[in-house]
Protein backbone atom coordinates (compact mmCIF):
# COMPACT_ATOMS: atom_id res chain seq x y z
CA UNK A 1 103.90 133.80 107.48
CA UNK A 2 106.19 131.38 105.87
CA UNK A 3 104.09 129.98 102.45
CA UNK A 4 106.41 126.90 102.22
CA UNK A 5 104.92 125.47 105.40
CA UNK A 6 101.18 126.00 104.68
CA UNK A 7 99.06 123.23 103.43
CA UNK A 8 98.32 122.98 99.73
CA UNK A 9 94.60 123.83 99.87
CA UNK A 10 95.56 126.76 101.82
CA UNK A 11 98.09 127.83 99.64
CA UNK A 12 95.52 127.32 96.56
CA UNK A 13 92.95 129.62 98.61
CA UNK A 14 95.46 132.65 98.93
CA UNK A 15 96.32 131.92 95.49
CA UNK A 16 92.80 132.66 94.31
CA UNK A 17 92.57 135.45 96.78
CA UNK A 18 95.61 137.21 95.80
CA UNK A 19 97.36 137.23 98.84
CA UNK A 20 100.16 134.79 97.81
CA UNK A 21 102.69 135.47 94.94
CA UNK A 22 103.15 131.91 93.55
CA UNK A 23 105.79 132.47 91.70
CA UNK A 24 107.67 133.76 94.35
CA UNK A 25 106.79 130.78 96.67
CA UNK A 26 108.06 128.57 93.83
CA UNK A 27 111.18 130.29 93.89
CA UNK A 28 111.42 129.72 97.28
CA UNK A 29 110.88 125.91 97.43
CA UNK A 30 113.20 125.62 94.28
CA UNK A 31 116.09 127.50 96.29
CA UNK A 32 115.31 125.24 99.84
CA UNK A 33 115.29 122.16 97.86
CA UNK A 34 118.77 122.66 95.83
CA UNK A 35 119.80 122.57 99.52
CA UNK A 36 118.30 119.26 100.11
CA UNK A 37 119.99 116.75 98.19
CA UNK A 38 119.31 114.21 100.26
CA UNK A 39 115.52 114.91 99.42
CA UNK A 40 115.52 115.89 95.40
CA UNK A 41 117.27 113.34 93.71
CA UNK A 42 116.58 115.77 90.50
CA UNK A 43 114.80 119.40 90.67
CA UNK A 44 112.76 119.91 87.34
CA UNK A 45 113.29 124.00 87.85
CA UNK A 46 112.74 125.08 84.54
CA UNK A 47 109.46 123.30 84.44
CA UNK A 48 108.63 124.30 87.95
CA UNK A 49 108.88 128.50 87.04
CA UNK A 50 107.28 128.31 83.43
CA UNK A 51 104.08 126.17 85.52
CA UNK A 52 104.03 128.54 87.77
CA UNK A 53 104.44 131.32 85.55
CA UNK A 54 101.47 130.06 83.63
CA UNK A 55 99.45 129.77 87.05
CA UNK A 56 100.28 133.20 87.92
CA UNK A 57 98.59 134.67 84.70
CA UNK A 58 95.55 132.11 85.02
CA UNK A 59 94.68 133.44 88.73
CA UNK A 60 95.30 137.04 87.29
CA UNK A 61 92.78 136.66 84.37
CA UNK A 62 90.43 134.99 87.11
CA UNK A 63 90.99 131.41 85.06
CA UNK A 64 91.99 128.88 87.64
CA UNK A 65 91.87 125.35 86.81
CA UNK A 66 90.99 124.25 90.37
CA UNK A 67 92.02 124.73 93.97
CA UNK A 68 95.73 123.22 93.54
CA UNK A 69 96.29 125.31 90.21
CA UNK A 70 99.67 127.25 91.20
CA UNK A 71 100.57 124.99 94.10
CA UNK A 72 103.96 123.11 93.98
CA UNK A 73 103.95 119.65 94.37
CA UNK A 74 107.02 116.79 94.76
CA UNK A 75 107.17 113.66 92.89
CA UNK A 76 108.38 110.13 93.87
CA UNK A 77 111.53 109.66 91.58
CA UNK A 78 109.39 106.30 89.74
CA UNK A 79 106.85 108.54 88.05
CA UNK A 80 107.96 109.52 84.53
CA UNK A 81 108.78 112.67 83.62
CA UNK A 82 109.22 113.56 79.50
CA UNK A 83 112.88 114.12 79.46
CA UNK A 84 114.09 113.81 82.97
CA UNK A 85 115.60 110.98 84.59
CA UNK A 86 113.40 108.78 86.28
CA UNK A 87 115.43 106.16 88.20
CA UNK A 88 113.41 104.71 90.73
CA UNK A 89 116.13 105.13 93.46
CA UNK A 90 118.20 102.35 91.62
CA UNK A 91 121.47 102.25 90.11
CA UNK A 92 120.05 99.59 87.36
CA UNK A 93 117.97 102.27 85.87
CA UNK A 94 120.48 105.17 85.97
CA UNK A 95 120.23 107.64 82.93
CA UNK A 96 116.60 106.10 82.49
CA UNK A 97 115.00 109.84 80.31
CA UNK A 98 111.35 108.50 79.62
CA UNK A 99 109.77 110.29 76.71
CA UNK A 100 106.17 111.29 78.35
CA UNK A 101 104.85 111.83 81.53
CA UNK A 102 102.82 109.50 83.52
CA UNK A 103 99.33 109.54 83.36
CA UNK A 104 99.33 111.00 87.49
CA UNK A 105 101.84 113.87 85.85
CA UNK A 106 99.18 114.78 82.96
CA UNK A 107 96.68 114.82 84.99
CA UNK A 108 98.31 117.19 87.64
CA UNK A 109 99.64 119.45 85.07
CA UNK A 110 96.02 119.77 83.42
CA UNK A 111 95.11 120.79 86.84
CA UNK A 112 97.65 123.58 87.02
CA UNK A 113 99.79 121.98 89.66
CA UNK A 114 103.34 122.88 89.24
CA UNK A 115 106.11 120.15 89.26
CA UNK A 116 109.25 120.63 91.57
CA UNK A 117 110.92 117.79 91.05
CA UNK A 118 112.16 114.01 91.71
CA UNK A 119 112.24 112.82 95.36
CA UNK A 120 114.39 110.03 96.45
CA UNK A 121 113.30 106.89 97.46
CA UNK A 122 113.89 103.16 98.70
CA UNK A 123 115.62 100.94 95.89
CA UNK A 124 113.24 100.47 93.34
CA UNK A 125 110.69 100.85 96.22
CA UNK A 126 110.90 97.19 98.02
CA UNK A 127 111.82 98.31 101.43
CA UNK A 128 109.91 100.32 104.18
CA UNK A 129 112.55 101.68 105.91
CA UNK A 130 113.35 104.35 103.65
CA UNK A 131 117.53 103.86 103.84
CA UNK A 132 119.13 103.79 100.13
CA UNK A 133 123.03 103.80 100.38
CA UNK A 134 123.23 103.10 96.66
CA UNK A 135 121.57 107.26 96.35
CA UNK A 136 120.30 109.02 99.11
CA UNK A 137 118.46 108.91 102.78
CA UNK A 138 116.87 111.47 104.27
CA UNK A 139 116.86 111.94 107.66
CA UNK A 140 113.36 111.37 109.81
CA UNK A 141 111.78 114.74 110.67
CA UNK A 142 112.43 114.41 114.45
CA UNK A 143 115.97 112.91 114.65
CA UNK A 144 118.06 112.82 111.07
CA UNK A 145 119.85 109.52 112.48
CA UNK A 146 116.59 107.48 112.30
CA UNK A 147 115.63 106.27 109.02
CA UNK A 148 112.57 108.40 107.12
CA UNK A 149 110.11 105.49 106.33
CA UNK A 150 110.00 104.32 102.73
CA UNK A 151 109.74 103.75 100.03
CA UNK A 152 108.79 107.09 99.89
CA UNK A 153 111.42 108.63 101.84
CA UNK A 154 111.95 111.93 99.98
CA UNK A 155 108.25 112.47 99.12
CA UNK A 156 107.27 112.74 102.74
CA UNK A 157 110.44 114.40 103.86
CA UNK A 158 109.79 117.05 101.08
CA UNK A 159 106.70 118.08 102.75
CA UNK A 160 107.66 117.67 106.54
CA UNK A 161 110.75 119.88 105.84
CA UNK A 162 108.80 122.61 103.44
CA UNK A 163 110.38 121.72 100.24
CA UNK A 164 106.42 120.93 98.73
CA UNK A 165 103.18 121.47 99.71
CA UNK A 166 102.23 118.00 99.38
CA UNK A 167 103.96 114.99 97.47
CA UNK A 168 103.06 112.26 95.13
CA UNK A 169 104.08 108.65 96.03
CA UNK A 170 103.18 105.33 95.63
CA UNK A 171 102.39 102.38 98.17
CA UNK A 172 102.77 98.25 97.16
CA UNK A 173 103.22 97.06 100.74
CA UNK A 174 103.40 100.69 102.95
CA UNK A 175 105.22 103.10 101.03
CA UNK A 176 102.98 105.84 101.64
CA UNK A 177 101.54 105.25 105.09
CA UNK A 178 105.03 104.62 107.24
CA UNK A 179 106.46 107.86 105.84
CA UNK A 180 103.81 109.46 106.64
CA UNK A 181 103.73 108.27 109.94
CA UNK A 182 107.11 108.41 110.90
CA UNK A 183 107.40 112.10 110.13
CA UNK A 184 103.88 113.23 111.58
CA UNK A 185 102.37 113.39 108.15
CA UNK A 186 98.99 112.28 106.71
CA UNK A 187 98.95 109.78 104.09
CA UNK A 188 96.49 108.26 101.68
CA UNK A 189 96.70 104.25 100.49
CA UNK A 190 94.19 104.29 97.47
CA UNK A 191 92.38 101.35 96.12
CA UNK A 192 94.53 99.10 93.50
CA UNK A 193 93.32 100.11 90.14
CA UNK A 194 91.47 103.56 91.31
CA UNK A 195 94.29 105.92 89.87
CA UNK A 196 96.16 105.04 86.83
CA UNK A 197 99.63 103.20 87.27
CA UNK A 198 100.61 103.73 83.54
CA UNK A 199 104.31 105.59 83.39
CA UNK A 200 104.73 104.71 86.93
CA UNK A 201 107.97 102.51 87.48
CA UNK A 202 106.55 99.21 88.94
CA UNK A 203 107.29 97.22 91.78
CA UNK A 204 104.34 94.61 92.02
CA UNK A 205 101.34 95.41 89.63
CA UNK A 206 98.67 93.47 90.99
CA UNK A 207 99.46 95.60 94.13
CA UNK A 208 101.32 99.00 93.32
CA UNK A 209 98.77 102.08 94.00
CA UNK A 210 99.32 105.88 93.76
CA UNK A 211 98.62 107.80 96.51
CA UNK A 212 99.30 111.55 98.15
CA UNK A 213 101.31 112.57 101.19
CA UNK A 214 100.41 115.79 103.07
CA UNK A 215 99.71 118.20 105.99
CA UNK A 216 96.42 117.36 106.63
CA UNK A 217 93.57 115.22 104.97
CA UNK A 218 91.63 118.03 103.39
CA UNK A 219 95.34 118.09 101.42
CA UNK A 220 95.29 114.17 100.68
CA UNK A 221 91.52 114.69 99.35
CA UNK A 222 92.26 117.84 96.74
CA UNK A 223 95.37 115.89 95.67
CA UNK A 224 93.84 112.86 94.84
CA UNK A 225 91.21 115.02 92.86
CA UNK A 226 94.10 116.54 91.03
CA UNK A 227 95.41 113.11 89.95
CA UNK A 228 92.22 111.72 88.89
CA UNK A 229 91.10 115.11 87.31
CA UNK A 230 87.63 115.64 89.12
CA UNK A 231 86.52 117.97 92.13
CA UNK A 232 87.44 117.21 95.59
CA UNK A 233 84.76 115.42 97.44
CA UNK A 234 82.70 117.90 99.95
CA UNK A 235 84.46 117.38 103.74
CA UNK A 236 82.14 119.94 105.43
CA UNK A 237 80.26 118.91 108.62
CA UNK A 238 82.05 115.64 108.36
CA UNK A 239 81.35 114.39 112.18
CA UNK A 240 82.19 110.61 114.19
CA UNK A 241 79.29 110.52 116.06
CA UNK A 242 77.66 107.43 115.68
CA UNK A 243 80.27 105.98 113.62
CA UNK A 244 81.40 102.55 114.10
CA UNK A 245 84.91 101.67 114.10
CA UNK A 246 86.74 98.17 114.99
CA UNK A 247 89.85 97.86 116.15
CA UNK A 248 91.59 94.66 114.76
CA UNK A 249 92.88 93.05 117.58
CA UNK A 250 95.78 90.06 117.60
CA UNK A 251 98.15 90.36 114.65
CA UNK A 252 98.60 94.19 114.29
CA UNK A 253 99.98 94.06 118.25
CA UNK A 254 102.11 91.15 117.99
CA UNK A 255 105.74 92.71 119.08
CA UNK A 256 104.43 96.60 118.90
CA UNK A 257 106.52 98.73 120.38
CA UNK A 258 105.17 100.78 123.63
CA UNK A 259 105.14 104.15 121.98
CA UNK A 260 103.23 103.10 118.78
CA UNK A 261 100.75 100.95 121.46
CA UNK A 262 100.66 104.67 123.57
CA UNK A 263 100.02 106.62 120.86
CA UNK A 264 97.25 104.30 119.03
CA UNK A 265 95.49 104.13 122.78
CA UNK A 266 95.33 107.82 122.52
CA UNK A 267 93.87 108.20 119.08
CA UNK A 268 90.98 105.26 119.84
CA UNK A 269 90.32 107.08 123.15
CA UNK A 270 89.83 110.65 121.88
CA UNK A 271 87.62 109.02 118.78
CA UNK A 272 85.39 107.42 121.26
CA UNK A 273 85.21 111.20 123.24
CA UNK A 274 84.11 112.53 119.88
CA UNK A 275 81.37 110.09 119.47
CA UNK A 276 82.84 106.92 117.50
CA UNK A 277 81.18 103.58 119.08
CA UNK A 278 84.46 101.71 119.15
CA UNK A 279 84.44 97.99 119.44
CA UNK A 280 87.93 95.38 119.44
CA UNK A 281 87.92 91.74 118.21
CA UNK A 282 90.21 89.72 115.91
CA UNK A 283 89.53 88.44 112.34
CA UNK A 284 90.12 85.09 111.17
CA UNK A 285 91.27 85.08 108.07
CA UNK A 286 94.17 87.92 108.52
CA UNK A 287 96.69 85.70 109.67
CA UNK A 288 96.54 83.31 107.11
CA UNK A 289 96.09 86.09 104.27
CA UNK A 290 99.03 87.54 105.58
CA UNK A 291 101.15 84.59 105.28
CA UNK A 292 100.49 84.48 101.63
CA UNK A 293 102.73 87.87 101.28
CA UNK A 294 105.90 85.39 100.75
CA UNK A 295 104.38 83.77 98.04
CA UNK A 296 102.94 87.17 96.06
CA UNK A 297 104.86 90.19 96.68
CA UNK A 298 108.83 88.68 96.01
CA UNK A 299 108.17 86.41 93.11
CA UNK A 300 106.05 89.14 91.41
CA UNK A 301 108.88 91.93 91.98
CA UNK A 302 111.32 89.60 91.06
CA UNK A 303 109.67 88.45 88.09
CA UNK A 304 109.55 92.02 86.70
CA UNK A 305 113.16 92.70 87.43
CA UNK A 306 114.97 89.82 87.10
CA UNK A 307 116.73 90.12 83.69
CA UNK A 308 117.96 93.95 85.05
CA UNK A 309 119.14 92.48 88.77
CA UNK A 310 120.86 89.38 87.11
CA UNK A 311 122.55 91.50 84.54
CA UNK A 312 124.29 93.94 87.02
CA UNK A 313 123.56 92.63 90.63
CA UNK A 314 126.75 94.64 91.85
CA UNK A 315 124.32 97.69 91.64
CA UNK A 316 122.05 96.55 94.21
CA UNK A 317 122.30 97.23 97.73
CA UNK A 318 122.88 93.48 99.15
CA UNK A 319 120.00 93.45 101.32
CA UNK A 320 117.74 94.62 98.74
CA UNK A 321 118.84 92.08 96.24
CA UNK A 322 118.32 89.30 98.46
CA UNK A 323 114.76 90.56 99.12
CA UNK A 324 113.96 90.74 94.98
CA UNK A 325 115.89 87.27 94.79
CA UNK A 326 113.83 85.57 97.84
CA UNK A 327 110.58 85.41 95.16
CA UNK A 328 113.28 83.57 92.47
CA UNK A 329 112.33 80.01 93.63
CA UNK A 330 109.01 80.53 94.41
CA UNK A 331 106.49 77.79 92.32
CA UNK A 332 104.43 79.35 89.66
CA UNK A 333 101.67 77.11 91.32
CA UNK A 334 102.41 78.49 94.64
CA UNK A 335 101.67 81.66 93.32
CA UNK A 336 98.55 80.99 91.50
CA UNK A 337 97.41 79.03 94.19
CA UNK A 338 98.26 82.08 96.88
CA UNK A 339 95.99 84.38 94.40
CA UNK A 340 92.82 82.33 94.31
CA UNK A 341 92.90 81.91 98.12
CA UNK A 342 93.66 85.88 98.60
CA UNK A 343 90.48 86.53 96.46
CA UNK A 344 88.65 84.20 99.07
CA UNK A 345 90.30 85.66 102.07
CA UNK A 346 89.34 89.02 100.67
CA UNK A 347 85.56 88.17 100.64
CA UNK A 348 85.38 87.00 103.76
CA UNK A 349 87.42 90.12 105.51
CA UNK A 350 84.74 92.39 103.50
CA UNK A 351 81.75 90.48 104.78
CA UNK A 352 83.45 90.92 108.21
CA UNK A 353 83.78 94.10 108.57
CA UNK A 354 80.87 95.18 106.63
CA UNK A 355 79.06 96.73 109.58
CA UNK A 356 81.89 99.38 110.67
CA UNK A 357 82.71 102.45 108.88
CA UNK A 358 86.77 101.96 109.50
CA UNK A 359 89.38 99.43 110.79
CA UNK A 360 91.55 100.55 113.04
CA UNK A 361 95.26 99.89 113.55
CA UNK A 362 98.45 101.46 114.53
CA UNK A 363 100.09 102.41 111.34
CA UNK A 364 103.51 100.87 112.27
CA UNK A 365 104.31 98.84 114.86
CA UNK A 366 107.67 100.27 115.44
CA UNK A 367 109.44 103.41 115.83
CA UNK A 368 112.18 104.55 113.38
CA UNK A 369 115.41 102.82 113.59
CA UNK A 370 118.66 104.01 113.76
CA UNK A 371 120.28 104.35 110.28
CA UNK A 372 123.76 103.55 111.32
CA UNK A 373 122.67 100.19 112.73
CA UNK A 374 120.56 99.08 109.94
CA UNK A 375 123.41 99.59 107.62
CA UNK A 376 125.95 97.64 109.94
CA UNK A 377 123.50 95.13 111.26
CA UNK A 378 121.64 92.51 108.82
CA UNK A 379 119.29 91.10 111.32
CA UNK A 380 118.61 94.16 112.61
CA UNK A 381 117.67 95.51 109.14
CA UNK A 382 115.84 92.50 108.56
CA UNK A 383 113.54 92.47 111.67
CA UNK A 384 112.81 95.93 111.57
CA UNK A 385 112.00 95.93 107.65
CA UNK A 386 109.32 93.52 108.30
CA UNK A 387 108.03 94.90 111.16
CA UNK A 388 107.98 97.94 109.90
CA UNK A 389 105.95 96.88 106.81
CA UNK A 390 103.64 94.32 108.72
CA UNK A 391 100.72 96.32 109.46
CA UNK A 392 100.50 98.53 106.38
CA UNK A 393 100.40 95.68 104.34
CA UNK A 394 97.14 94.74 105.47
CA UNK A 395 95.47 97.16 103.58
CA UNK A 396 97.73 96.07 100.42
CA UNK A 397 96.99 92.33 100.89
CA UNK A 398 92.87 93.21 101.30
CA UNK A 399 93.15 95.58 98.89
CA UNK A 400 91.41 98.66 100.88
CA UNK A 401 92.20 102.52 100.75
CA UNK A 402 93.58 103.25 103.73
CA UNK A 403 94.28 106.83 105.29
CA UNK A 404 97.10 107.22 108.09
CA UNK A 405 97.02 110.01 110.71
CA UNK A 406 99.25 110.93 113.26
CA UNK A 407 98.26 110.35 116.86
CA UNK A 408 99.95 113.75 118.75
CA UNK A 409 103.05 111.09 119.54
CA UNK A 410 105.77 111.91 117.62
CA UNK A 411 106.43 109.18 114.33
CA UNK A 412 103.25 107.14 115.72
CA UNK A 413 100.32 106.97 113.37
CA UNK A 414 96.51 105.42 113.30
CA UNK A 415 95.53 103.81 110.03
CA UNK A 416 91.99 104.04 109.19
CA UNK A 417 91.08 100.87 106.83
CA UNK A 418 87.81 101.63 104.55
CA UNK A 419 86.47 99.76 101.84
CA UNK A 420 87.72 99.47 98.18
CA UNK A 421 87.16 102.39 95.73
CA UNK A 422 85.59 104.00 99.15
CA UNK A 423 88.26 106.89 99.19
CA UNK A 424 85.71 109.89 99.62
CA UNK A 425 83.71 108.28 102.39
CA UNK A 426 87.19 107.35 104.11
CA UNK A 427 88.06 111.31 103.79
CA UNK A 428 85.15 112.47 105.48
CA UNK A 429 85.48 110.02 108.34
CA UNK A 430 89.36 111.04 108.18
CA UNK A 431 88.93 114.60 108.80
CA UNK A 432 86.46 114.24 111.39
CA UNK A 433 89.02 112.01 113.14
CA UNK A 434 91.46 114.41 112.43
CA UNK A 435 90.15 117.03 114.13
CA UNK A 436 89.26 115.00 117.28
CA UNK A 437 93.21 113.79 117.54
CA UNK A 438 94.30 117.49 116.72
């Protein structure tokens, strides 16, 4: 068995049983990762070896710290690592070396996980395509000429290509879920404010979240628990029987292409066969809430980075630069009014879906686009980026936790949108759905 392709929890169980040499596996990961400069921006090789040896000694003495003690993870290059460059995929931050680890990396280290290194990402996390000509662009797992999804592009590919047991990414508008869906992985967008973002390079602080990318729902549950310093939820005996699921009609299907619709419909049919009660309808607050995106995301992102950007705009990819600058002229009064309106829409949404266990949408309305065309055709880049992010942005706009699962159709995911701070409940629903979709 190639343990590099096994799930994180499966590896943890094998370590506990003495069936897996975690020091040897860590070395195998490092060797393979060193051959993948399109995925890893930099490795933390000595740290990984030291952490693996410590975990090995704990396992030998029966003192493992948890289910992922000794399991190797990759980290998106916006999580601070003490003494190691954290550049957020941008030449603007080249040579930025933090003094301390991000809070979530501290927690993961306390839980015994092994830090393999930092993965490539979209520039400052501000695109859903995963294309970054300023640093590196990993190829999609199904076709290296296709976009990987972003902004956690390298994070997803590190898992898909067997270069980490699981990955830690961030999600501001879809950055965990799009690369997960396009590479047939499971990704969890956590509720804003649930997981610490201290020591995480920001994009939009009022939307930024931290979340896992993994091979299965169980792994996502255990990585989330690791980041929070707690025990993972009990996912046993989860069932879809009688679960009420709402297919959100309207906006999520506008312009959605054939294969994502096929994958979604196939998935919904299987969920129904497994006992879920499926209803379909639109919600009136969805479109006006989503229309606020332009006055909420870009102004905050530009406000965060305007000084660095305008000091050296030539260091940025022009289309990402333009995306940041699109927030430059939004009035403060419109931004404030937008947040006031969004708070009302969020309350309306939660009231409207209170009777459902989750709301269902296709994770992305498009398949991974062609990388070469994205880089040569400005209109194509802009259209595909906006479409890629549209459905995932629902979860950020409404402040939800969201789980994306593979549908069985390549690069097409289905998203289960849960209520704020109900990740454990969503994960139980998700593992039952995963079984039905397998």
